[in-house]
N, C-alpha and C. Protein backbone atom coordinates (compact mmCIF):
# COMPACT_ATOMS: atom_id res chain seq x y z
N MET A 1 0.84 -1.18 0.00
CA MET A 1 0.00 0.00 0.00
C MET A 1 0.88 1.24 0.00
N LYS A 2 0.52 2.21 -0.79
CA LYS A 2 1.25 3.47 -0.84
C LYS A 2 0.73 4.38 0.27
N CYS A 3 1.63 4.90 1.08
CA CYS A 3 1.27 5.81 2.17
C CYS A 3 1.55 7.25 1.75
N THR A 4 0.56 8.12 1.90
CA THR A 4 0.74 9.54 1.64
C THR A 4 1.57 10.12 2.78
N HIS A 5 2.59 10.89 2.46
CA HIS A 5 3.45 11.47 3.51
C HIS A 5 2.74 12.63 4.20
N THR A 6 2.43 12.45 5.47
CA THR A 6 1.78 13.49 6.28
C THR A 6 2.57 13.79 7.55
N ALA A 7 3.73 13.17 7.72
CA ALA A 7 4.50 13.26 8.96
C ALA A 7 4.89 14.69 9.32
N ASP A 8 5.18 15.52 8.33
CA ASP A 8 5.66 16.87 8.61
C ASP A 8 4.55 17.91 8.65
N ASN A 9 3.32 17.47 8.48
CA ASN A 9 2.19 18.40 8.48
C ASN A 9 1.69 18.65 9.91
N LEU A 10 1.53 19.91 10.28
CA LEU A 10 0.92 20.22 11.57
C LEU A 10 -0.58 19.99 11.51
N GLU A 11 -1.14 20.11 10.30
CA GLU A 11 -2.56 19.87 10.10
C GLU A 11 -2.75 18.61 9.26
N LEU A 12 -3.80 17.89 9.56
CA LEU A 12 -4.10 16.67 8.84
C LEU A 12 -5.58 16.68 8.48
N LYS A 13 -5.88 16.58 7.20
CA LYS A 13 -7.28 16.49 6.76
C LYS A 13 -7.78 15.08 7.03
N TYR A 14 -8.95 15.01 7.61
CA TYR A 14 -9.64 13.73 7.81
C TYR A 14 -10.86 13.81 6.91
N GLU A 15 -10.67 13.39 5.66
CA GLU A 15 -11.66 13.62 4.61
C GLU A 15 -13.00 12.96 4.88
N ALA A 16 -13.00 11.73 5.40
CA ALA A 16 -14.26 11.01 5.63
C ALA A 16 -15.17 11.73 6.62
N ALA A 17 -14.57 12.50 7.56
CA ALA A 17 -15.38 13.18 8.57
C ALA A 17 -15.53 14.68 8.30
N LYS A 18 -15.02 15.15 7.16
CA LYS A 18 -15.04 16.58 6.86
C LYS A 18 -14.41 17.38 8.00
N ALA A 19 -13.19 16.95 8.38
CA ALA A 19 -12.52 17.56 9.52
C ALA A 19 -11.05 17.83 9.22
N THR A 20 -10.49 18.76 9.98
CA THR A 20 -9.05 19.01 9.98
C THR A 20 -8.58 18.88 11.42
N LEU A 21 -7.52 18.11 11.61
CA LEU A 21 -6.91 17.96 12.93
C LEU A 21 -5.63 18.78 12.94
N THR A 22 -5.41 19.55 13.99
CA THR A 22 -4.19 20.32 14.16
C THR A 22 -3.48 19.78 15.39
N PHE A 23 -2.21 19.45 15.24
CA PHE A 23 -1.44 18.86 16.34
C PHE A 23 -0.49 19.89 16.92
N GLY A 24 -0.22 19.73 18.20
CA GLY A 24 0.73 20.61 18.87
C GLY A 24 0.17 21.98 19.17
N ALA A 25 -1.13 22.12 19.14
CA ALA A 25 -1.76 23.40 19.46
C ALA A 25 -1.52 23.69 20.94
N THR A 26 -0.83 24.78 21.24
CA THR A 26 -0.44 25.03 22.62
C THR A 26 -1.16 26.20 23.28
N GLU A 27 -1.86 26.98 22.53
CA GLU A 27 -2.60 28.09 23.13
C GLU A 27 -3.85 27.57 23.82
N PRO A 28 -4.13 28.04 25.04
CA PRO A 28 -5.39 27.63 25.67
C PRO A 28 -6.57 28.10 24.80
N PRO A 29 -7.56 27.24 24.60
CA PRO A 29 -8.68 27.62 23.73
C PRO A 29 -9.66 28.60 24.38
N ALA A 30 -9.56 28.79 25.69
CA ALA A 30 -10.45 29.73 26.40
C ALA A 30 -9.77 30.16 27.69
N PRO A 31 -10.13 31.32 28.21
CA PRO A 31 -9.53 31.78 29.47
C PRO A 31 -9.74 30.75 30.59
N GLY A 32 -8.69 30.54 31.38
CA GLY A 32 -8.78 29.63 32.51
C GLY A 32 -8.54 28.16 32.17
N LEU A 33 -8.35 27.84 30.89
CA LEU A 33 -8.09 26.46 30.50
C LEU A 33 -6.60 26.28 30.23
N PRO A 34 -6.11 25.05 30.39
CA PRO A 34 -4.71 24.78 30.04
C PRO A 34 -4.54 24.65 28.53
N ALA A 35 -3.32 24.46 28.08
CA ALA A 35 -3.05 24.20 26.67
C ALA A 35 -3.58 22.82 26.30
N PHE A 36 -4.05 22.68 25.10
CA PHE A 36 -4.54 21.41 24.58
C PHE A 36 -3.62 20.96 23.46
N HIS A 37 -3.61 19.66 23.13
CA HIS A 37 -2.67 19.10 22.18
C HIS A 37 -3.24 18.89 20.79
N THR A 38 -4.54 18.68 20.70
CA THR A 38 -5.15 18.37 19.40
C THR A 38 -6.43 19.18 19.23
N LYS A 39 -6.56 19.78 18.06
CA LYS A 39 -7.76 20.56 17.72
C LYS A 39 -8.45 19.86 16.56
N PHE A 40 -9.75 19.62 16.72
CA PHE A 40 -10.59 19.06 15.66
C PHE A 40 -11.48 20.17 15.13
N HIS A 41 -11.35 20.49 13.86
CA HIS A 41 -12.19 21.50 13.24
C HIS A 41 -13.09 20.79 12.24
N PHE A 42 -14.36 20.66 12.58
CA PHE A 42 -15.33 19.98 11.74
C PHE A 42 -16.08 21.00 10.89
N GLU A 43 -16.16 20.75 9.61
CA GLU A 43 -16.92 21.60 8.70
C GLU A 43 -18.42 21.42 8.96
N PRO A 44 -19.26 22.36 8.53
CA PRO A 44 -20.70 22.17 8.66
C PRO A 44 -21.12 20.85 8.01
N GLY A 45 -21.98 20.12 8.67
CA GLY A 45 -22.46 18.84 8.15
C GLY A 45 -21.52 17.67 8.37
N ALA A 46 -20.42 17.87 9.13
CA ALA A 46 -19.46 16.80 9.36
C ALA A 46 -20.08 15.67 10.16
N LYS A 47 -19.61 14.46 9.89
CA LYS A 47 -20.09 13.29 10.62
C LYS A 47 -18.88 12.59 11.24
N PHE A 48 -18.81 12.60 12.56
CA PHE A 48 -17.72 11.95 13.29
C PHE A 48 -18.28 11.25 14.50
N ASP A 49 -17.82 10.03 14.73
CA ASP A 49 -18.21 9.24 15.89
C ASP A 49 -16.96 8.52 16.37
N SER A 50 -16.53 8.81 17.59
CA SER A 50 -15.34 8.14 18.13
C SER A 50 -15.64 6.72 18.56
N PHE A 51 -16.89 6.35 18.61
CA PHE A 51 -17.34 5.06 19.11
C PHE A 51 -16.93 4.89 20.57
N LEU A 52 -17.66 4.08 21.26
CA LEU A 52 -17.43 3.87 22.69
C LEU A 52 -16.07 3.20 22.89
N HIS A 53 -15.23 3.80 23.71
CA HIS A 53 -13.89 3.28 23.97
C HIS A 53 -13.42 3.76 25.33
N PHE A 54 -12.25 3.30 25.75
CA PHE A 54 -11.66 3.76 27.01
C PHE A 54 -10.15 3.74 26.86
N HIS A 55 -9.48 4.38 27.82
CA HIS A 55 -8.03 4.40 27.86
C HIS A 55 -7.58 3.89 29.22
N VAL A 56 -6.60 3.02 29.24
CA VAL A 56 -6.13 2.42 30.49
C VAL A 56 -5.23 3.36 31.26
N SER A 57 -4.31 4.03 30.57
CA SER A 57 -3.30 4.80 31.29
C SER A 57 -3.37 6.30 31.08
N HIS A 58 -4.43 6.78 30.46
CA HIS A 58 -4.55 8.22 30.20
C HIS A 58 -5.92 8.75 30.62
N ALA A 59 -5.92 9.88 31.27
CA ALA A 59 -7.16 10.65 31.44
C ALA A 59 -7.27 11.52 30.19
N GLU A 60 -8.49 11.78 29.76
CA GLU A 60 -8.71 12.58 28.55
C GLU A 60 -9.54 13.79 28.94
N TYR A 61 -9.25 14.91 28.30
CA TYR A 61 -9.98 16.16 28.56
C TYR A 61 -10.47 16.70 27.23
N LEU A 62 -11.72 17.13 27.20
CA LEU A 62 -12.35 17.69 26.00
C LEU A 62 -12.85 19.09 26.30
N TYR A 63 -12.80 19.93 25.29
CA TYR A 63 -13.42 21.25 25.36
C TYR A 63 -14.01 21.56 24.00
N CYS A 64 -15.31 21.81 23.96
CA CYS A 64 -16.00 22.17 22.71
C CYS A 64 -16.01 23.70 22.62
N GLU A 65 -15.15 24.25 21.78
CA GLU A 65 -15.00 25.70 21.66
C GLU A 65 -16.12 26.34 20.83
N LYS A 66 -16.60 25.60 19.83
CA LYS A 66 -17.60 26.16 18.92
C LYS A 66 -18.55 25.05 18.51
N GLY A 67 -19.83 25.37 18.42
CA GLY A 67 -20.81 24.36 18.06
C GLY A 67 -21.16 23.51 19.27
N SER A 68 -21.58 22.28 19.01
CA SER A 68 -21.91 21.36 20.10
C SER A 68 -21.70 19.92 19.62
N ILE A 69 -21.47 19.05 20.59
CA ILE A 69 -21.26 17.63 20.31
C ILE A 69 -22.04 16.81 21.34
N ARG A 70 -22.32 15.57 20.99
CA ARG A 70 -22.94 14.64 21.93
C ARG A 70 -21.79 13.86 22.58
N VAL A 71 -21.76 13.86 23.91
CA VAL A 71 -20.70 13.18 24.64
C VAL A 71 -21.33 12.16 25.59
N THR A 72 -20.78 10.96 25.58
CA THR A 72 -21.16 9.92 26.53
C THR A 72 -19.95 9.68 27.43
N ILE A 73 -20.17 9.79 28.74
CA ILE A 73 -19.12 9.47 29.72
C ILE A 73 -19.76 8.50 30.70
N GLY A 74 -19.31 7.26 30.67
CA GLY A 74 -19.96 6.23 31.48
C GLY A 74 -21.38 6.05 30.98
N ALA A 75 -22.35 6.19 31.88
CA ALA A 75 -23.75 6.02 31.51
C ALA A 75 -24.45 7.35 31.21
N VAL A 76 -23.71 8.46 31.27
CA VAL A 76 -24.31 9.78 31.08
C VAL A 76 -24.09 10.25 29.65
N VAL A 77 -25.19 10.64 28.99
CA VAL A 77 -25.13 11.17 27.63
C VAL A 77 -25.65 12.60 27.69
N ARG A 78 -24.89 13.53 27.09
CA ARG A 78 -25.34 14.92 27.09
C ARG A 78 -24.81 15.67 25.88
N ILE A 79 -25.47 16.76 25.57
CA ILE A 79 -25.02 17.66 24.51
C ILE A 79 -24.14 18.71 25.18
N VAL A 80 -22.95 18.92 24.61
CA VAL A 80 -21.95 19.78 25.22
C VAL A 80 -21.57 20.89 24.25
N GLY A 81 -21.45 22.12 24.79
CA GLY A 81 -21.00 23.27 24.02
C GLY A 81 -19.99 24.07 24.81
N PRO A 82 -19.61 25.23 24.32
CA PRO A 82 -18.59 26.04 24.98
C PRO A 82 -18.92 26.39 26.43
N GLU A 83 -20.18 26.58 26.72
CA GLU A 83 -20.59 26.96 28.08
C GLU A 83 -20.36 25.86 29.11
N ASP A 84 -20.10 24.64 28.67
CA ASP A 84 -19.91 23.52 29.58
C ASP A 84 -18.47 23.39 30.07
N GLY A 85 -17.56 24.17 29.51
CA GLY A 85 -16.17 24.12 29.95
C GLY A 85 -15.49 22.81 29.59
N GLN A 86 -14.41 22.56 30.29
CA GLN A 86 -13.61 21.35 30.04
C GLN A 86 -14.25 20.14 30.70
N LEU A 87 -14.30 19.03 29.96
CA LEU A 87 -14.81 17.78 30.51
C LEU A 87 -13.63 16.85 30.81
N GLU A 88 -13.64 16.23 31.97
CA GLU A 88 -12.60 15.26 32.31
C GLU A 88 -13.16 13.86 32.17
N ILE A 89 -12.37 13.00 31.54
CA ILE A 89 -12.75 11.60 31.37
C ILE A 89 -11.62 10.77 31.99
N PRO A 90 -11.84 10.23 33.19
CA PRO A 90 -10.78 9.46 33.84
C PRO A 90 -10.42 8.19 33.06
N ALA A 91 -9.20 7.71 33.28
CA ALA A 91 -8.79 6.44 32.68
C ALA A 91 -9.80 5.36 33.05
N TRP A 92 -9.95 4.39 32.19
CA TRP A 92 -10.86 3.24 32.34
C TRP A 92 -12.34 3.60 32.20
N THR A 93 -12.67 4.85 31.91
CA THR A 93 -14.07 5.25 31.78
C THR A 93 -14.51 5.15 30.32
N PRO A 94 -15.50 4.32 30.01
CA PRO A 94 -16.01 4.26 28.64
C PRO A 94 -16.56 5.63 28.23
N HIS A 95 -16.22 6.07 27.03
CA HIS A 95 -16.69 7.36 26.56
C HIS A 95 -16.77 7.38 25.03
N GLN A 96 -17.52 8.36 24.54
CA GLN A 96 -17.76 8.51 23.10
C GLN A 96 -18.09 9.95 22.83
N ARG A 97 -17.71 10.43 21.66
CA ARG A 97 -18.15 11.77 21.24
C ARG A 97 -18.57 11.72 19.78
N GLU A 98 -19.60 12.52 19.48
CA GLU A 98 -20.17 12.52 18.13
C GLU A 98 -20.51 13.94 17.72
N THR A 99 -20.27 14.26 16.46
CA THR A 99 -20.76 15.53 15.93
C THR A 99 -22.26 15.40 15.75
N LEU A 100 -22.91 16.52 15.67
CA LEU A 100 -24.37 16.51 15.55
C LEU A 100 -24.85 16.81 14.14
N GLU A 101 -23.92 16.88 13.17
CA GLU A 101 -24.24 17.11 11.76
C GLU A 101 -25.11 18.35 11.54
N THR A 102 -24.79 19.42 12.25
CA THR A 102 -25.53 20.66 12.07
C THR A 102 -24.98 21.42 10.87
N ASN A 103 -25.59 22.54 10.58
CA ASN A 103 -25.12 23.37 9.47
C ASN A 103 -24.08 24.37 9.96
N LYS A 104 -23.52 24.13 11.16
CA LYS A 104 -22.50 25.01 11.73
C LYS A 104 -21.18 24.27 11.87
N GLU A 105 -20.09 25.02 11.85
CA GLU A 105 -18.80 24.39 12.12
C GLU A 105 -18.70 24.08 13.61
N THR A 106 -17.88 23.08 13.91
CA THR A 106 -17.69 22.65 15.29
C THR A 106 -16.19 22.54 15.54
N ILE A 107 -15.74 23.08 16.69
CA ILE A 107 -14.33 22.99 17.07
C ILE A 107 -14.24 22.33 18.43
N VAL A 108 -13.49 21.23 18.48
CA VAL A 108 -13.31 20.46 19.73
C VAL A 108 -11.82 20.31 19.99
N TRP A 109 -11.42 20.59 21.22
CA TRP A 109 -10.03 20.44 21.65
C TRP A 109 -9.93 19.20 22.52
N GLU A 110 -8.78 18.53 22.43
CA GLU A 110 -8.56 17.32 23.23
C GLU A 110 -7.13 17.31 23.75
N ARG A 111 -6.97 16.82 24.97
CA ARG A 111 -5.64 16.61 25.54
C ARG A 111 -5.70 15.39 26.44
N THR A 112 -4.54 14.82 26.73
CA THR A 112 -4.48 13.67 27.63
C THR A 112 -3.46 13.95 28.72
N ASP A 113 -3.63 13.25 29.80
CA ASP A 113 -2.68 13.28 30.90
C ASP A 113 -2.35 11.84 31.25
N PRO A 114 -1.12 11.40 31.02
CA PRO A 114 0.04 12.20 30.62
C PRO A 114 0.03 12.52 29.12
N ASN A 115 0.72 13.60 28.78
CA ASN A 115 0.88 13.99 27.38
C ASN A 115 2.17 13.36 26.88
N ASP A 116 2.09 12.11 26.45
CA ASP A 116 3.27 11.35 26.05
C ASP A 116 3.37 11.14 24.55
N GLY A 117 2.52 11.82 23.77
CA GLY A 117 2.56 11.70 22.32
C GLY A 117 1.74 10.56 21.75
N GLN A 118 1.20 9.68 22.61
CA GLN A 118 0.44 8.54 22.09
C GLN A 118 -0.83 8.97 21.37
N LYS A 119 -1.50 9.99 21.87
CA LYS A 119 -2.74 10.44 21.21
C LYS A 119 -2.43 10.94 19.80
N GLU A 120 -1.36 11.69 19.65
CA GLU A 120 -0.99 12.17 18.32
C GLU A 120 -0.61 11.00 17.41
N LEU A 121 0.16 10.06 17.94
CA LEU A 121 0.50 8.86 17.15
C LEU A 121 -0.76 8.16 16.68
N PHE A 122 -1.71 7.97 17.58
CA PHE A 122 -2.98 7.31 17.26
C PHE A 122 -3.70 8.04 16.13
N PHE A 123 -3.96 9.33 16.32
CA PHE A 123 -4.74 10.07 15.33
C PHE A 123 -4.01 10.22 14.01
N ARG A 124 -2.73 10.53 14.04
CA ARG A 124 -1.98 10.70 12.79
C ARG A 124 -2.02 9.43 11.94
N ASN A 125 -1.75 8.31 12.57
CA ASN A 125 -1.70 7.06 11.81
C ASN A 125 -3.07 6.57 11.42
N LEU A 126 -4.04 6.61 12.31
CA LEU A 126 -5.39 6.16 11.97
C LEU A 126 -6.01 7.01 10.88
N MET A 127 -5.99 8.33 11.04
CA MET A 127 -6.64 9.21 10.06
C MET A 127 -5.93 9.18 8.71
N SER A 128 -4.60 9.11 8.72
CA SER A 128 -3.85 9.03 7.45
C SER A 128 -4.18 7.73 6.72
N LEU A 129 -4.26 6.63 7.46
CA LEU A 129 -4.62 5.36 6.82
C LEU A 129 -6.05 5.39 6.29
N ILE A 130 -6.97 5.96 7.05
CA ILE A 130 -8.35 6.08 6.57
C ILE A 130 -8.37 6.87 5.26
N ASN A 131 -7.62 7.97 5.21
CA ASN A 131 -7.56 8.76 3.97
C ASN A 131 -6.97 7.94 2.83
N ASP A 132 -5.86 7.23 3.08
CA ASP A 132 -5.22 6.46 2.01
C ASP A 132 -6.07 5.28 1.55
N TYR A 133 -6.84 4.71 2.46
CA TYR A 133 -7.73 3.61 2.09
C TYR A 133 -9.10 4.11 1.63
N LYS A 134 -9.23 5.40 1.47
CA LYS A 134 -10.49 6.02 1.01
C LYS A 134 -11.66 5.68 1.92
N GLY A 135 -11.40 5.65 3.24
CA GLY A 135 -12.46 5.49 4.22
C GLY A 135 -12.70 4.08 4.72
N SER A 136 -12.11 3.08 4.11
CA SER A 136 -12.42 1.70 4.50
C SER A 136 -11.15 0.92 4.81
N LEU A 137 -10.71 0.99 6.05
CA LEU A 137 -9.51 0.27 6.49
C LEU A 137 -9.77 -1.21 6.65
N PRO A 138 -8.73 -2.03 6.40
CA PRO A 138 -8.87 -3.45 6.72
C PRO A 138 -9.12 -3.61 8.23
N PHE A 139 -9.97 -4.54 8.56
CA PHE A 139 -10.38 -4.79 9.94
C PHE A 139 -9.19 -4.97 10.88
N LEU A 140 -8.22 -5.81 10.50
CA LEU A 140 -7.08 -6.06 11.38
C LEU A 140 -6.20 -4.82 11.52
N GLN A 141 -6.09 -4.00 10.47
CA GLN A 141 -5.31 -2.77 10.57
C GLN A 141 -5.92 -1.85 11.62
N THR A 142 -7.23 -1.71 11.58
CA THR A 142 -7.92 -0.87 12.56
C THR A 142 -7.68 -1.40 13.96
N PHE A 143 -7.84 -2.70 14.16
CA PHE A 143 -7.63 -3.28 15.49
C PHE A 143 -6.19 -3.12 15.97
N LYS A 144 -5.22 -3.20 15.07
CA LYS A 144 -3.83 -3.05 15.46
C LYS A 144 -3.59 -1.67 16.05
N ILE A 145 -4.08 -0.63 15.40
CA ILE A 145 -3.89 0.73 15.91
C ILE A 145 -4.62 0.91 17.24
N PHE A 146 -5.87 0.46 17.31
CA PHE A 146 -6.62 0.61 18.55
C PHE A 146 -5.99 -0.17 19.69
N SER A 147 -5.50 -1.36 19.42
CA SER A 147 -4.93 -2.17 20.51
C SER A 147 -3.64 -1.56 21.03
N ASP A 148 -2.87 -0.91 20.16
CA ASP A 148 -1.62 -0.30 20.61
C ASP A 148 -1.83 1.04 21.30
N TYR A 149 -2.93 1.74 20.99
CA TYR A 149 -3.12 3.07 21.55
C TYR A 149 -4.44 3.29 22.27
N ASP A 150 -5.44 2.46 22.07
CA ASP A 150 -6.73 2.70 22.71
C ASP A 150 -7.30 1.47 23.38
N ASN A 151 -6.50 0.45 23.54
CA ASN A 151 -6.86 -0.71 24.34
C ASN A 151 -8.00 -1.56 23.80
N TYR A 152 -8.13 -1.62 22.50
CA TYR A 152 -9.08 -2.54 21.89
C TYR A 152 -8.35 -3.86 21.65
N PRO A 153 -9.05 -4.97 21.51
CA PRO A 153 -8.37 -6.22 21.20
C PRO A 153 -7.74 -6.15 19.81
N GLY A 154 -6.80 -7.00 19.54
CA GLY A 154 -6.22 -7.02 18.21
C GLY A 154 -4.73 -7.29 18.21
N LYS A 155 -4.22 -7.89 19.25
CA LYS A 155 -2.79 -8.15 19.36
C LYS A 155 -2.25 -9.01 18.22
N HIS A 156 -3.09 -9.80 17.57
CA HIS A 156 -2.63 -10.69 16.52
C HIS A 156 -2.56 -10.02 15.15
N ALA A 157 -2.99 -8.79 15.05
CA ALA A 157 -2.95 -8.09 13.75
C ALA A 157 -1.52 -7.90 13.26
N GLY A 158 -0.57 -7.78 14.19
CA GLY A 158 0.82 -7.64 13.80
C GLY A 158 1.34 -8.84 13.04
N VAL A 159 0.82 -10.01 13.34
CA VAL A 159 1.23 -11.23 12.64
C VAL A 159 0.87 -11.14 11.16
N ALA A 160 -0.20 -10.45 10.86
CA ALA A 160 -0.63 -10.29 9.46
C ALA A 160 0.12 -9.17 8.75
N GLY A 161 1.06 -8.52 9.46
CA GLY A 161 1.87 -7.48 8.84
C GLY A 161 1.39 -6.07 9.08
N TYR A 162 0.31 -5.90 9.82
CA TYR A 162 -0.18 -4.55 10.09
C TYR A 162 0.61 -3.92 11.22
N ARG A 163 0.79 -2.61 11.14
CA ARG A 163 1.50 -1.85 12.15
C ARG A 163 0.59 -0.76 12.68
N SER A 164 0.95 -0.20 13.81
CA SER A 164 0.19 0.93 14.34
C SER A 164 0.88 2.26 14.05
N VAL A 165 2.15 2.22 13.65
CA VAL A 165 2.92 3.42 13.33
C VAL A 165 3.56 3.26 11.96
N TYR A 166 3.36 4.27 11.11
CA TYR A 166 3.98 4.32 9.79
C TYR A 166 4.82 5.58 9.70
N LYS A 167 6.06 5.46 9.25
CA LYS A 167 6.96 6.61 9.22
C LYS A 167 6.44 7.72 8.31
N GLU A 168 5.66 7.37 7.31
CA GLU A 168 5.12 8.38 6.39
C GLU A 168 4.13 9.32 7.07
N TYR A 169 3.50 8.86 8.15
CA TYR A 169 2.50 9.66 8.84
C TYR A 169 3.02 10.28 10.14
N THR A 170 4.15 9.81 10.61
CA THR A 170 4.61 10.13 11.96
C THR A 170 5.83 11.04 11.95
N PRO A 171 5.77 12.18 12.64
CA PRO A 171 6.95 13.04 12.73
C PRO A 171 8.11 12.27 13.38
N LYS A 172 9.32 12.59 12.97
CA LYS A 172 10.51 11.88 13.49
C LYS A 172 10.58 11.97 15.01
N ARG A 173 10.13 13.10 15.60
CA ARG A 173 10.20 13.24 17.05
C ARG A 173 9.34 12.22 17.79
N LEU A 174 8.35 11.64 17.11
CA LEU A 174 7.47 10.64 17.75
C LEU A 174 7.87 9.21 17.42
N LEU A 175 8.78 9.05 16.48
CA LEU A 175 9.22 7.69 16.12
C LEU A 175 10.15 7.15 17.19
N LYS A 176 9.96 5.90 17.55
CA LYS A 176 10.84 5.25 18.52
C LYS A 176 11.85 4.41 17.75
N SER A 177 13.08 4.36 18.25
CA SER A 177 14.07 3.56 17.56
C SER A 177 13.84 2.09 17.74
């Protein structure tokens, strides 16, 4: 498979979701908030669903700067906008976020604690592969990335030759020797 080189891009188009991801964003998105690591800019009518998942070793924080999204944290489902401030999602907590497909743009910021680069590795490689595969990744490839970064099953995908990190998508500073 030919991989499109996206490793040196600070922004990454996620064509299937009508979104742009910006990495390394360090300015706080609102007064009183800390710096966030990833910005999702969804165009009007965008469709994005993170699907229900959890993280073992990372707490996740979300802030919806513009528009609104549906967020599930544990058993609680709610519509979230800028007025709701930062949401904390502790490690091991099942969660999901979805765009509402409105005619407005939506901006969502995300960060993790610890900020060890794994979230960027996950999004850069997953979204770049989705773009290169025109929206339809092989099942084992998807599981390989999720199992290495989001704790989904799929440890055997590596046997089939799938990886979770591709040098074409990953900045050199995030590559491990």
